[in-house]
Amino acid sequence: MANGIGRPPWIPPDPEKVESLASRGLTMEQIADCLGIGLSTLYEKKNEYVDFAEAIKRGQAKGISIVANSLYESAKNGNTTAQIFYMKCRAQWKETTVTEANVTVRQEDAIKELE
């Protein structure tokens, strides 16, 4: 950049801002958009700047922790939907459907079917 032409050097954004964006469940593309960079640049800079990558990882973990704790508390407080969801995700609980049928076949009808 001897003559002032070209891109200015990239300055990593505030790690708290990056962490906050990631904690809200934004995708990598959405985080890149919020930071005013392209998705490929985001991945490039994640590989180049450890603090940047760590801020994203920390934010994602915090967001999951907050929602998981809220779900857990809802389940503990009697929210049946939260209880079912928790059991399906954490305890491999599955709902099964049992179908019963009572069928009566008259002897004459059974004989006609055989003919």
PDB file of N, CA and C in Angstrom:
ATOM      1  N   MET A   1       0.827  -1.178   0.000  1.00  0.00           N
ATOM      2  CA  MET A   1       0.000   0.000   0.000  1.00  0.00           C
ATOM      3  C   MET A   1       0.870   1.239   0.000  1.00  0.00           C
ATOM      4  N   ALA A   2       1.886   1.231  -0.757  1.00  0.00           N
ATOM      5  CA  ALA A   2       2.826   2.343  -0.812  1.00  0.00           C
ATOM      6  C   ALA A   2       2.164   3.611  -1.315  1.00  0.00           C
ATOM      7  N   ASN A   3       1.221   3.475  -2.244  1.00  0.00           N
ATOM      8  CA  ASN A   3       0.585   4.681  -2.796  1.00  0.00           C
ATOM      9  C   ASN A   3      -0.826   4.909  -2.227  1.00  0.00           C
ATOM     10  N   GLY A   4      -1.186   4.203  -1.146  1.00  0.00           N
ATOM     11  CA  GLY A   4      -2.474   4.428  -0.495  1.00  0.00           C
ATOM     12  C   GLY A   4      -3.631   3.712  -1.170  1.00  0.00           C
ATOM     13  N   ILE A   5      -3.350   2.824  -2.118  1.00  0.00           N
ATOM     14  CA  ILE A   5      -4.408   2.095  -2.806  1.00  0.00           C
ATOM     15  C   ILE A   5      -4.510   0.704  -2.190  1.00  0.00           C
ATOM     16  N   GLY A   6      -5.711   0.216  -2.066  1.00  0.00           N
ATOM     17  CA  GLY A   6      -5.927  -1.121  -1.520  1.00  0.00           C
ATOM     18  C   GLY A   6      -6.738  -1.066  -0.243  1.00  0.00           C
ATOM     19  N   ARG A   7      -6.957  -2.206   0.294  1.00  0.00           N
ATOM     20  CA  ARG A   7      -7.754  -2.302   1.516  1.00  0.00           C
ATOM     21  C   ARG A   7      -6.934  -1.889   2.722  1.00  0.00           C
ATOM     22  N   PRO A   8      -7.609  -1.271   3.683  1.00  0.00           N
ATOM     23  CA  PRO A   8      -6.907  -0.972   4.931  1.00  0.00           C
ATOM     24  C   PRO A   8      -6.703  -2.272   5.706  1.00  0.00           C
ATOM     25  N   PRO A   9      -5.737  -2.308   6.596  1.00  0.00           N
ATOM     26  CA  PRO A   9      -5.520  -3.532   7.371  1.00  0.00           C
ATOM     27  C   PRO A   9      -6.749  -3.847   8.216  1.00  0.00           C
ATOM     28  N   TRP A  10      -7.008  -5.140   8.360  1.00  0.00           N
ATOM     29  CA  TRP A  10      -8.176  -5.576   9.138  1.00  0.00           C
ATOM     30  C   TRP A  10      -7.865  -5.493  10.617  1.00  0.00           C
ATOM     31  N   ILE A  11      -8.742  -4.866  11.338  1.00  0.00           N
ATOM     32  CA  ILE A  11      -8.589  -4.755  12.782  1.00  0.00           C
ATOM     33  C   ILE A  11      -9.687  -5.610  13.408  1.00  0.00           C
ATOM     34  N   PRO A  12      -9.304  -6.612  14.198  1.00  0.00           N
ATOM     35  CA  PRO A  12     -10.325  -7.476  14.808  1.00  0.00           C
ATOM     36  C   PRO A  12     -11.317  -6.651  15.622  1.00  0.00           C
ATOM     37  N   PRO A  13     -12.599  -6.958  15.516  1.00  0.00           N
ATOM     38  CA  PRO A  13     -13.603  -6.225  16.303  1.00  0.00           C
ATOM     39  C   PRO A  13     -13.476  -6.543  17.789  1.00  0.00           C
ATOM     40  N   ASP A  14     -14.128  -5.743  18.591  1.00  0.00           N
ATOM     41  CA  ASP A  14     -14.147  -5.935  20.032  1.00  0.00           C
ATOM     42  C   ASP A  14     -14.631  -7.358  20.343  1.00  0.00           C
ATOM     43  N   PRO A  15     -13.835  -8.144  21.077  1.00  0.00           N
ATOM     44  CA  PRO A  15     -14.238  -9.523  21.382  1.00  0.00           C
ATOM     45  C   PRO A  15     -15.585  -9.624  22.099  1.00  0.00           C
ATOM     46  N   GLU A  16     -15.914  -8.645  22.918  1.00  0.00           N
ATOM     47  CA  GLU A  16     -17.207  -8.666  23.609  1.00  0.00           C
ATOM     48  C   GLU A  16     -18.368  -8.551  22.624  1.00  0.00           C
ATOM     49  N   LYS A  17     -18.187  -7.741  21.580  1.00  0.00           N
ATOM     50  CA  LYS A  17     -19.220  -7.600  20.559  1.00  0.00           C
ATOM     51  C   LYS A  17     -19.398  -8.920  19.808  1.00  0.00           C
ATOM     52  N   VAL A  18     -18.292  -9.535  19.433  1.00  0.00           N
ATOM     53  CA  VAL A  18     -18.331 -10.807  18.705  1.00  0.00           C
ATOM     54  C   VAL A  18     -18.985 -11.875  19.578  1.00  0.00           C
ATOM     55  N   GLU A  19     -18.585 -11.925  20.836  1.00  0.00           N
ATOM     56  CA  GLU A  19     -19.151 -12.903  21.771  1.00  0.00           C
ATOM     57  C   GLU A  19     -20.653 -12.698  21.932  1.00  0.00           C
ATOM     58  N   SER A  20     -21.072 -11.452  22.038  1.00  0.00           N
ATOM     59  CA  SER A  20     -22.487 -11.139  22.184  1.00  0.00           C
ATOM     60  C   SER A  20     -23.294 -11.586  20.963  1.00  0.00           C
ATOM     61  N   LEU A  21     -22.770 -11.327  19.772  1.00  0.00           N
ATOM     62  CA  LEU A  21     -23.452 -11.753  18.554  1.00  0.00           C
ATOM     63  C   LEU A  21     -23.594 -13.271  18.506  1.00  0.00           C
ATOM     64  N   ALA A  22     -22.509 -13.969  18.814  1.00  0.00           N
ATOM     65  CA  ALA A  22     -22.513 -15.433  18.771  1.00  0.00           C
ATOM     66  C   ALA A  22     -23.432 -16.014  19.844  1.00  0.00           C
ATOM     67  N   SER A  23     -23.536 -15.355  20.991  1.00  0.00           N
ATOM     68  CA  SER A  23     -24.360 -15.874  22.085  1.00  0.00           C
ATOM     69  C   SER A  23     -25.848 -15.830  21.762  1.00  0.00           C
ATOM     70  N   ARG A  24     -26.233 -15.025  20.798  1.00  0.00           N
ATOM     71  CA  ARG A  24     -27.633 -14.891  20.431  1.00  0.00           C
ATOM     72  C   ARG A  24     -28.058 -15.909  19.373  1.00  0.00           C
ATOM     73  N   GLY A  25     -27.152 -16.801  19.023  1.00  0.00           N
ATOM     74  CA  GLY A  25     -27.495 -17.861  18.085  1.00  0.00           C
ATOM     75  C   GLY A  25     -27.383 -17.484  16.626  1.00  0.00           C
ATOM     76  N   LEU A  26     -26.704 -16.376  16.336  1.00  0.00           N
ATOM     77  CA  LEU A  26     -26.535 -15.980  14.940  1.00  0.00           C
ATOM     78  C   LEU A  26     -25.657 -16.989  14.212  1.00  0.00           C
ATOM     79  N   THR A  27     -25.943 -17.181  12.935  1.00  0.00           N
ATOM     80  CA  THR A  27     -25.101 -18.042  12.106  1.00  0.00           C
ATOM     81  C   THR A  27     -23.805 -17.301  11.795  1.00  0.00           C
ATOM     82  N   MET A  28     -22.833 -18.020  11.269  1.00  0.00           N
ATOM     83  CA  MET A  28     -21.571 -17.385  10.883  1.00  0.00           C
ATOM     84  C   MET A  28     -21.824 -16.292   9.839  1.00  0.00           C
ATOM     85  N   GLU A  29     -22.732 -16.561   8.917  1.00  0.00           N
ATOM     86  CA  GLU A  29     -23.044 -15.563   7.886  1.00  0.00           C
ATOM     87  C   GLU A  29     -23.652 -14.307   8.509  1.00  0.00           C
ATOM     88  N   GLN A  30     -24.533 -14.483   9.477  1.00  0.00           N
ATOM     89  CA  GLN A  30     -25.153 -13.333  10.140  1.00  0.00           C
ATOM     90  C   GLN A  30     -24.129 -12.550  10.964  1.00  0.00           C
ATOM     91  N   ILE A  31     -23.220 -13.259  11.618  1.00  0.00           N
ATOM     92  CA  ILE A  31     -22.159 -12.573  12.371  1.00  0.00           C
ATOM     93  C   ILE A  31     -21.297 -11.757  11.414  1.00  0.00           C
ATOM     94  N   ALA A  32     -20.938 -12.364  10.288  1.00  0.00           N
ATOM     95  CA  ALA A  32     -20.133 -11.648   9.282  1.00  0.00           C
ATOM     96  C   ALA A  32     -20.867 -10.393   8.811  1.00  0.00           C
ATOM     97  N   ASP A  33     -22.165 -10.530   8.528  1.00  0.00           N
ATOM     98  CA  ASP A  33     -22.954  -9.372   8.082  1.00  0.00           C
ATOM     99  C   ASP A  33     -22.948  -8.264   9.136  1.00  0.00           C
ATOM    100  N   CYS A  34     -23.123  -8.622  10.394  1.00  0.00           N
ATOM    101  CA  CYS A  34     -23.132  -7.629  11.473  1.00  0.00           C
ATOM    102  C   CYS A  34     -21.784  -6.928  11.607  1.00  0.00           C
ATOM    103  N   LEU A  35     -20.721  -7.659  11.298  1.00  0.00           N
ATOM    104  CA  LEU A  35     -19.381  -7.073  11.395  1.00  0.00           C
ATOM    105  C   LEU A  35     -18.973  -6.345  10.120  1.00  0.00           C
ATOM    106  N   GLY A  36     -19.802  -6.449   9.086  1.00  0.00           N
ATOM    107  CA  GLY A  36     -19.511  -5.761   7.828  1.00  0.00           C
ATOM    108  C   GLY A  36     -18.424  -6.440   7.004  1.00  0.00           C
ATOM    109  N   ILE A  37     -18.311  -7.769   7.156  1.00  0.00           N
ATOM    110  CA  ILE A  37     -17.316  -8.515   6.388  1.00  0.00           C
ATOM    111  C   ILE A  37     -18.001  -9.677   5.678  1.00  0.00           C
ATOM    112  N   GLY A  38     -17.339 -10.248   4.712  1.00  0.00           N
ATOM    113  CA  GLY A  38     -17.873 -11.406   4.012  1.00  0.00           C
ATOM    114  C   GLY A  38     -17.666 -12.675   4.825  1.00  0.00           C
ATOM    115  N   LEU A  39     -18.429 -13.692   4.493  1.00  0.00           N
ATOM    116  CA  LEU A  39     -18.328 -14.959   5.203  1.00  0.00           C
ATOM    117  C   LEU A  39     -16.940 -15.573   5.063  1.00  0.00           C
ATOM    118  N   SER A  40     -16.389 -15.511   3.864  1.00  0.00           N
ATOM    119  CA  SER A  40     -15.045 -16.079   3.675  1.00  0.00           C
ATOM    120  C   SER A  40     -14.013 -15.327   4.515  1.00  0.00           C
ATOM    121  N   THR A  41     -14.188 -14.024   4.662  1.00  0.00           N
ATOM    122  CA  THR A  41     -13.280 -13.233   5.505  1.00  0.00           C
ATOM    123  C   THR A  41     -13.422 -13.653   6.962  1.00  0.00           C
ATOM    124  N   LEU A  42     -14.646 -13.888   7.398  1.00  0.00           N
ATOM    125  CA  LEU A  42     -14.863 -14.315   8.775  1.00  0.00           C
ATOM    126  C   LEU A  42     -14.096 -15.604   9.051  1.00  0.00           C
ATOM    127  N   TYR A  43     -14.233 -16.590   8.174  1.00  0.00           N
ATOM    128  CA  TYR A  43     -13.515 -17.863   8.375  1.00  0.00           C
ATOM    129  C   TYR A  43     -11.998 -17.666   8.304  1.00  0.00           C
ATOM    130  N   GLU A  44     -11.566 -16.834   7.396  1.00  0.00           N
ATOM    131  CA  GLU A  44     -10.128 -16.555   7.272  1.00  0.00           C
ATOM    132  C   GLU A  44      -9.594 -15.939   8.564  1.00  0.00           C
ATOM    133  N   LYS A  45     -10.328 -14.961   9.093  1.00  0.00           N
ATOM    134  CA  LYS A  45      -9.878 -14.258  10.299  1.00  0.00           C
ATOM    135  C   LYS A  45      -9.995 -15.139  11.539  1.00  0.00           C
ATOM    136  N   LYS A  46     -10.975 -16.063  11.548  1.00  0.00           N
ATOM    137  CA  LYS A  46     -11.060 -17.019  12.656  1.00  0.00           C
ATOM    138  C   LYS A  46      -9.791 -17.863  12.727  1.00  0.00           C
ATOM    139  N   ASN A  47      -9.279 -18.251  11.564  1.00  0.00           N
ATOM    140  CA  ASN A  47      -8.055 -19.049  11.517  1.00  0.00           C
ATOM    141  C   ASN A  47      -6.810 -18.223  11.849  1.00  0.00           C
ATOM    142  N   GLU A  48      -6.880 -16.942  11.544  1.00  0.00           N
ATOM    143  CA  GLU A  48      -5.727 -16.066  11.725  1.00  0.00           C
ATOM    144  C   GLU A  48      -5.619 -15.495  13.142  1.00  0.00           C
ATOM    145  N   TYR A  49      -6.763 -15.182  13.761  1.00  0.00           N
ATOM    146  CA  TYR A  49      -6.784 -14.531  15.071  1.00  0.00           C
ATOM    147  C   TYR A  49      -7.444 -15.452  16.106  1.00  0.00           C
ATOM    148  N   VAL A  50      -6.650 -16.001  16.986  1.00  0.00           N
ATOM    149  CA  VAL A  50      -7.147 -16.938  17.996  1.00  0.00           C
ATOM    150  C   VAL A  50      -8.194 -16.276  18.885  1.00  0.00           C
ATOM    151  N   ASP A  51      -7.953 -15.029  19.293  1.00  0.00           N
ATOM    152  CA  ASP A  51      -8.904 -14.334  20.171  1.00  0.00           C
ATOM    153  C   ASP A  51     -10.268 -14.170  19.501  1.00  0.00           C
ATOM    154  N   PHE A  52     -10.266 -13.926  18.213  1.00  0.00           N
ATOM    155  CA  PHE A  52     -11.500 -13.768  17.449  1.00  0.00           C
ATOM    156  C   PHE A  52     -12.270 -15.090  17.436  1.00  0.00           C
ATOM    157  N   ALA A  53     -11.575 -16.182  17.130  1.00  0.00           N
ATOM    158  CA  ALA A  53     -12.201 -17.504  17.106  1.00  0.00           C
ATOM    159  C   ALA A  53     -12.720 -17.887  18.492  1.00  0.00           C
ATOM    160  N   GLU A  54     -11.946 -17.590  19.526  1.00  0.00           N
ATOM    161  CA  GLU A  54     -12.346 -17.926  20.891  1.00  0.00           C
ATOM    162  C   GLU A  54     -13.576 -17.133  21.325  1.00  0.00           C
ATOM    163  N   ALA A  55     -13.670 -15.888  20.901  1.00  0.00           N
ATOM    164  CA  ALA A  55     -14.835 -15.067  21.244  1.00  0.00           C
ATOM    165  C   ALA A  55     -16.108 -15.670  20.642  1.00  0.00           C
ATOM    166  N   ILE A  56     -16.006 -16.173  19.431  1.00  0.00           N
ATOM    167  CA  ILE A  56     -17.160 -16.819  18.793  1.00  0.00           C
ATOM    168  C   ILE A  56     -17.531 -18.092  19.551  1.00  0.00           C
ATOM    169  N   LYS A  57     -16.551 -18.919  19.856  1.00  0.00           N
ATOM    170  CA  LYS A  57     -16.811 -20.169  20.578  1.00  0.00           C
ATOM    171  C   LYS A  57     -17.397 -19.907  21.967  1.00  0.00           C
ATOM    172  N   ARG A  58     -16.839 -18.937  22.659  1.00  0.00           N
ATOM    173  CA  ARG A  58     -17.330 -18.580  23.997  1.00  0.00           C
ATOM    174  C   ARG A  58     -18.775 -18.090  23.921  1.00  0.00           C
ATOM    175  N   GLY A  59     -19.049 -17.243  22.937  1.00  0.00           N
ATOM    176  CA  GLY A  59     -20.403 -16.717  22.777  1.00  0.00           C
ATOM    177  C   GLY A  59     -21.408 -17.815  22.475  1.00  0.00           C
ATOM    178  N   GLN A  60     -21.052 -18.732  21.581  1.00  0.00           N
ATOM    179  CA  GLN A  60     -21.953 -19.834  21.252  1.00  0.00           C
ATOM    180  C   GLN A  60     -22.238 -20.680  22.495  1.00  0.00           C
ATOM    181  N   ALA A  61     -21.208 -20.978  23.258  1.00  0.00           N
ATOM    182  CA  ALA A  61     -21.374 -21.784  24.468  1.00  0.00           C
ATOM    183  C   ALA A  61     -22.247 -21.059  25.495  1.00  0.00           C
ATOM    184  N   LYS A  62     -22.043 -19.759  25.656  1.00  0.00           N
ATOM    185  CA  LYS A  62     -22.853 -18.991  26.614  1.00  0.00           C
ATOM    186  C   LYS A  62     -24.319 -18.972  26.212  1.00  0.00           C
ATOM    187  N   GLY A  63     -24.582 -18.780  24.917  1.00  0.00           N
ATOM    188  CA  GLY A  63     -25.961 -18.758  24.443  1.00  0.00           C
ATOM    189  C   GLY A  63     -26.654 -20.086  24.692  1.00  0.00           C
ATOM    190  N   ILE A  64     -25.973 -21.174  24.395  1.00  0.00           N
ATOM    191  CA  ILE A  64     -26.543 -22.502  24.625  1.00  0.00           C
ATOM    192  C   ILE A  64     -26.774 -22.717  26.115  1.00  0.00           C
ATOM    193  N   SER A  65     -25.834 -22.279  26.926  1.00  0.00           N
ATOM    194  CA  SER A  65     -25.964 -22.431  28.374  1.00  0.00           C
ATOM    195  C   SER A  65     -27.178 -21.691  28.912  1.00  0.00           C
ATOM    196  N   ILE A  66     -27.397 -20.479  28.452  1.00  0.00           N
ATOM    197  CA  ILE A  66     -28.529 -19.676  28.920  1.00  0.00           C
ATOM    198  C   ILE A  66     -29.854 -20.350  28.562  1.00  0.00           C
ATOM    199  N   VAL A  67     -29.974 -20.781  27.307  1.00  0.00           N
ATOM    200  CA  VAL A  67     -31.225 -21.402  26.862  1.00  0.00           C
ATOM    201  C   VAL A  67     -31.424 -22.758  27.537  1.00  0.00           C
ATOM    202  N   ALA A  68     -30.363 -23.537  27.661  1.00  0.00           N
ATOM    203  CA  ALA A  68     -30.466 -24.847  28.316  1.00  0.00           C
ATOM    204  C   ALA A  68     -30.890 -24.692  29.773  1.00  0.00           C
ATOM    205  N   ASN A  69     -30.334 -23.707  30.450  1.00  0.00           N
ATOM    206  CA  ASN A  69     -30.710 -23.472  31.842  1.00  0.00           C
ATOM    207  C   ASN A  69     -32.178 -23.064  31.947  1.00  0.00           C
ATOM    208  N   SER A  70     -32.625 -22.213  31.034  1.00  0.00           N
ATOM    209  CA  SER A  70     -34.016 -21.782  31.027  1.00  0.00           C
ATOM    210  C   SER A  70     -34.950 -22.974  30.771  1.00  0.00           C
ATOM    211  N   LEU A  71     -34.574 -23.821  29.822  1.00  0.00           N
ATOM    212  CA  LEU A  71     -35.366 -25.026  29.540  1.00  0.00           C
ATOM    213  C   LEU A  71     -35.415 -25.924  30.770  1.00  0.00           C
ATOM    214  N   TYR A  72     -34.273 -26.130  31.397  1.00  0.00           N
ATOM    215  CA  TYR A  72     -34.193 -26.977  32.586  1.00  0.00           C
ATOM    216  C   TYR A  72     -35.083 -26.433  33.707  1.00  0.00           C
ATOM    217  N   GLU A  73     -35.010 -25.138  33.946  1.00  0.00           N
ATOM    218  CA  GLU A  73     -35.829 -24.520  34.990  1.00  0.00           C
ATOM    219  C   GLU A  73     -37.315 -24.648  34.661  1.00  0.00           C
ATOM    220  N   SER A  74     -37.675 -24.454  33.395  1.00  0.00           N
ATOM    221  CA  SER A  74     -39.078 -24.613  32.988  1.00  0.00           C
ATOM    222  C   SER A  74     -39.551 -26.036  33.226  1.00  0.00           C
ATOM    223  N   ALA A  75     -38.713 -26.998  32.883  1.00  0.00           N
ATOM    224  CA  ALA A  75     -39.057 -28.408  33.092  1.00  0.00           C
ATOM    225  C   ALA A  75     -39.222 -28.702  34.589  1.00  0.00           C
ATOM    226  N   LYS A  76     -38.309 -28.189  35.406  1.00  0.00           N
ATOM    227  CA  LYS A  76     -38.391 -28.398  36.858  1.00  0.00           C
ATOM    228  C   LYS A  76     -39.649 -27.781  37.445  1.00  0.00           C
ATOM    229  N   ASN A  77     -40.096 -26.675  36.856  1.00  0.00           N
ATOM    230  CA  ASN A  77     -41.254 -25.958  37.382  1.00  0.00           C
ATOM    231  C   ASN A  77     -42.582 -26.468  36.821  1.00  0.00           C
ATOM    232  N   GLY A  78     -42.550 -27.622  36.143  1.00  0.00           N
ATOM    233  CA  GLY A  78     -43.798 -28.252  35.728  1.00  0.00           C
ATOM    234  C   GLY A  78     -44.243 -28.012  34.301  1.00  0.00           C
ATOM    235  N   ASN A  79     -43.435 -27.363  33.481  1.00  0.00           N
ATOM    236  CA  ASN A  79     -43.810 -27.147  32.083  1.00  0.00           C
ATOM    237  C   ASN A  79     -43.677 -28.485  31.349  1.00  0.00           C
ATOM    238  N   THR A  80     -44.821 -29.110  31.058  1.00  0.00           N
ATOM    239  CA  THR A  80     -44.829 -30.448  30.463  1.00  0.00           C
ATOM    240  C   THR A  80     -44.118 -30.482  29.122  1.00  0.00           C
ATOM    241  N   THR A  81     -44.318 -29.475  28.299  1.00  0.00           N
ATOM    242  CA  THR A  81     -43.652 -29.434  26.998  1.00  0.00           C
ATOM    243  C   THR A  81     -42.143 -29.397  27.173  1.00  0.00           C
ATOM    244  N   ALA A  82     -41.670 -28.600  28.104  1.00  0.00           N
ATOM    245  CA  ALA A  82     -40.234 -28.523  28.380  1.00  0.00           C
ATOM    246  C   ALA A  82     -39.719 -29.853  28.917  1.00  0.00           C
ATOM    247  N   GLN A  83     -40.510 -30.511  29.742  1.00  0.00           N
ATOM    248  CA  GLN A  83     -40.109 -31.803  30.289  1.00  0.00           C
ATOM    249  C   GLN A  83     -39.953 -32.839  29.176  1.00  0.00           C
ATOM    250  N   ILE A  84     -40.926 -32.890  28.280  1.00  0.00           N
ATOM    251  CA  ILE A  84     -40.877 -33.847  27.170  1.00  0.00           C
ATOM    252  C   ILE A  84     -39.682 -33.545  26.274  1.00  0.00           C
ATOM    253  N   PHE A  85     -39.496 -32.280  25.925  1.00  0.00           N
ATOM    254  CA  PHE A  85     -38.384 -31.905  25.059  1.00  0.00           C
ATOM    255  C   PHE A  85     -37.052 -32.269  25.714  1.00  0.00           C
ATOM    256  N   TYR A  86     -36.927 -31.967  26.991  1.00  0.00           N
ATOM    257  CA  TYR A  86     -35.692 -32.274  27.718  1.00  0.00           C
ATOM    258  C   TYR A  86     -35.419 -33.777  27.704  1.00  0.00           C
ATOM    259  N   MET A  87     -36.435 -34.562  27.982  1.00  0.00           N
ATOM    260  CA  MET A  87     -36.259 -36.016  28.023  1.00  0.00           C
ATOM    261  C   MET A  87     -35.906 -36.581  26.646  1.00  0.00           C
ATOM    262  N   LYS A  88     -36.507 -36.041  25.605  1.00  0.00           N
ATOM    263  CA  LYS A  88     -36.189 -36.507  24.252  1.00  0.00           C
ATOM    264  C   LYS A  88     -34.741 -36.183  23.892  1.00  0.00           C
ATOM    265  N   CYS A  89     -34.283 -34.990  24.256  1.00  0.00           N
ATOM    266  CA  CYS A  89     -32.931 -34.557  23.890  1.00  0.00           C
ATOM    267  C   CYS A  89     -31.857 -35.139  24.791  1.00  0.00           C
ATOM    268  N   ARG A  90     -32.112 -35.221  26.073  1.00  0.00           N
ATOM    269  CA  ARG A  90     -31.064 -35.594  27.016  1.00  0.00           C
ATOM    270  C   ARG A  90     -31.120 -37.049  27.466  1.00  0.00           C
ATOM    271  N   ALA A  91     -32.265 -37.683  27.358  1.00  0.00           N
ATOM    272  CA  ALA A  91     -32.392 -39.045  27.879  1.00  0.00           C
ATOM    273  C   ALA A  91     -32.801 -40.053  26.797  1.00  0.00           C
ATOM    274  N   GLN A  92     -32.723 -39.653  25.542  1.00  0.00           N
ATOM    275  CA  GLN A  92     -33.087 -40.511  24.405  1.00  0.00           C
ATOM    276  C   GLN A  92     -34.481 -41.108  24.571  1.00  0.00           C
ATOM    277  N   TRP A  93     -35.363 -40.349  25.202  1.00  0.00           N
ATOM    278  CA  TRP A  93     -36.733 -40.781  25.408  1.00  0.00           C
ATOM    279  C   TRP A  93     -37.469 -40.690  24.094  1.00  0.00           C
ATOM    280  N   LYS A  94     -38.278 -41.700  23.805  1.00  0.00           N
ATOM    281  CA  LYS A  94     -39.048 -41.704  22.554  1.00  0.00           C
ATOM    282  C   LYS A  94     -40.500 -41.976  22.868  1.00  0.00           C
ATOM    283  N   GLU A  95     -41.352 -41.326  22.132  1.00  0.00           N
ATOM    284  CA  GLU A  95     -42.772 -41.604  22.249  1.00  0.00           C
ATOM    285  C   GLU A  95     -43.102 -42.707  21.252  1.00  0.00           C
ATOM    286  N   THR A  96     -43.905 -43.655  21.687  1.00  0.00           N
ATOM    287  CA  THR A  96     -44.326 -44.712  20.776  1.00  0.00           C
ATOM    288  C   THR A  96     -45.833 -44.663  20.641  1.00  0.00           C
ATOM    289  N   THR A  97     -46.299 -45.055  19.492  1.00  0.00           N
ATOM    290  CA  THR A  97     -47.728 -45.084  19.233  1.00  0.00           C
ATOM    291  C   THR A  97     -48.158 -46.543  19.181  1.00  0.00           C
ATOM    292  N   VAL A  98     -49.139 -46.874  19.997  1.00  0.00           N
ATOM    293  CA  VAL A  98     -49.680 -48.225  20.006  1.00  0.00           C
ATOM    294  C   VAL A  98     -51.080 -48.137  19.427  1.00  0.00           C
ATOM    295  N   THR A  99     -51.310 -48.941  18.407  1.00  0.00           N
ATOM    296  CA  THR A  99     -52.627 -48.962  17.774  1.00  0.00           C
ATOM    297  C   THR A  99     -53.243 -50.327  18.021  1.00  0.00           C
ATOM    298  N   GLU A 100     -54.428 -50.312  18.586  1.00  0.00           N
ATOM    299  CA  GLU A 100     -55.142 -51.560  18.831  1.00  0.00           C
ATOM    300  C   GLU A 100     -56.370 -51.587  17.939  1.00  0.00           C
ATOM    301  N   ALA A 101     -56.709 -52.777  17.483  1.00  0.00           N
ATOM    302  CA  ALA A 101     -57.902 -52.929  16.652  1.00  0.00           C
ATOM    303  C   ALA A 101     -58.656 -54.164  17.106  1.00  0.00           C
ATOM    304  N   ASN A 102     -59.933 -54.017  17.291  1.00  0.00           N
ATOM    305  CA  ASN A 102     -60.810 -55.147  17.586  1.00  0.00           C
ATOM    306  C   ASN A 102     -61.575 -55.447  16.310  1.00  0.00           C
ATOM    307  N   VAL A 103     -61.324 -56.606  15.748  1.00  0.00           N
ATOM    308  CA  VAL A 103     -61.949 -56.977  14.476  1.00  0.00           C
ATOM    309  C   VAL A 103     -62.755 -58.244  14.698  1.00  0.00           C
ATOM    310  N   THR A 104     -63.982 -58.173  14.254  1.00  0.00           N
ATOM    311  CA  THR A 104     -64.842 -59.342  14.326  1.00  0.00           C
ATOM    312  C   THR A 104     -65.159 -59.777  12.904  1.00  0.00           C
ATOM    313  N   VAL A 105     -64.898 -61.050  12.612  1.00  0.00           N
ATOM    314  CA  VAL A 105     -65.179 -61.588  11.283  1.00  0.00           C
ATOM    315  C   VAL A 105     -66.227 -62.676  11.453  1.00  0.00           C
ATOM    316  N   ARG A 106     -67.310 -62.520  10.724  1.00  0.00           N
ATOM    317  CA  ARG A 106     -68.339 -63.553  10.770  1.00  0.00           C
ATOM    318  C   ARG A 106     -67.883 -64.742   9.936  1.00  0.00           C
ATOM    319  N   GLN A 107     -68.273 -65.910  10.358  1.00  0.00           N
ATOM    320  CA  GLN A 107     -67.830 -67.135   9.701  1.00  0.00           C
ATOM    321  C   GLN A 107     -68.251 -67.172   8.233  1.00  0.00           C
ATOM    322  N   GLU A 108     -69.461 -66.702   7.929  1.00  0.00           N
ATOM    323  CA  GLU A 108     -69.931 -66.723   6.536  1.00  0.00           C
ATOM    324  C   GLU A 108     -69.072 -65.840   5.640  1.00  0.00           C
ATOM    325  N   ASP A 109     -68.664 -64.687   6.179  1.00  0.00           N
ATOM    326  CA  ASP A 109     -67.827 -63.760   5.409  1.00  0.00           C
ATOM    327  C   ASP A 109     -66.449 -64.364   5.165  1.00  0.00           C
ATOM    328  N   ALA A 110     -65.893 -65.048   6.146  1.00  0.00           N
ATOM    329  CA  ALA A 110     -64.588 -65.668   6.006  1.00  0.00           C
ATOM    330  C   ALA A 110     -64.638 -66.769   4.950  1.00  0.00           C
ATOM    331  N   ILE A 111     -65.706 -67.544   4.923  1.00  0.00           N
ATOM    332  CA  ILE A 111     -65.847 -68.618   3.941  1.00  0.00           C
ATOM    333  C   ILE A 111     -65.970 -68.029   2.538  1.00  0.00           C
ATOM    334  N   LYS A 112     -66.740 -66.959   2.386  1.00  0.00           N
ATOM    335  CA  LYS A 112     -66.888 -66.309   1.061  1.00  0.00           C
ATOM    336  C   LYS A 112     -65.539 -65.798   0.558  1.00  0.00           C
ATOM    337  N   GLU A 113     -64.700 -65.288   1.458  1.00  0.00           N
ATOM    338  CA  GLU A 113     -63.375 -64.802   1.070  1.00  0.00           C
ATOM    339  C   GLU A 113     -62.499 -65.918   0.543  1.00  0.00           C
ATOM    340  N   LEU A 114     -62.658 -67.118   1.088  1.00  0.00           N
ATOM    341  CA  LEU A 114     -61.843 -68.257   0.684  1.00  0.00           C
ATOM    342  C   LEU A 114     -62.274 -68.845  -0.660  1.00  0.00           C
ATOM    343  N   GLU A 115     -63.502 -68.629  -1.064  1.00  0.00           N
ATOM    344  CA  GLU A 115     -64.002 -69.222  -2.310  1.00  0.00           C
ATOM    345  C   GLU A 115     -63.488 -68.542  -3.530  1.00  0.00           C
TER     346      GLU A 115
END
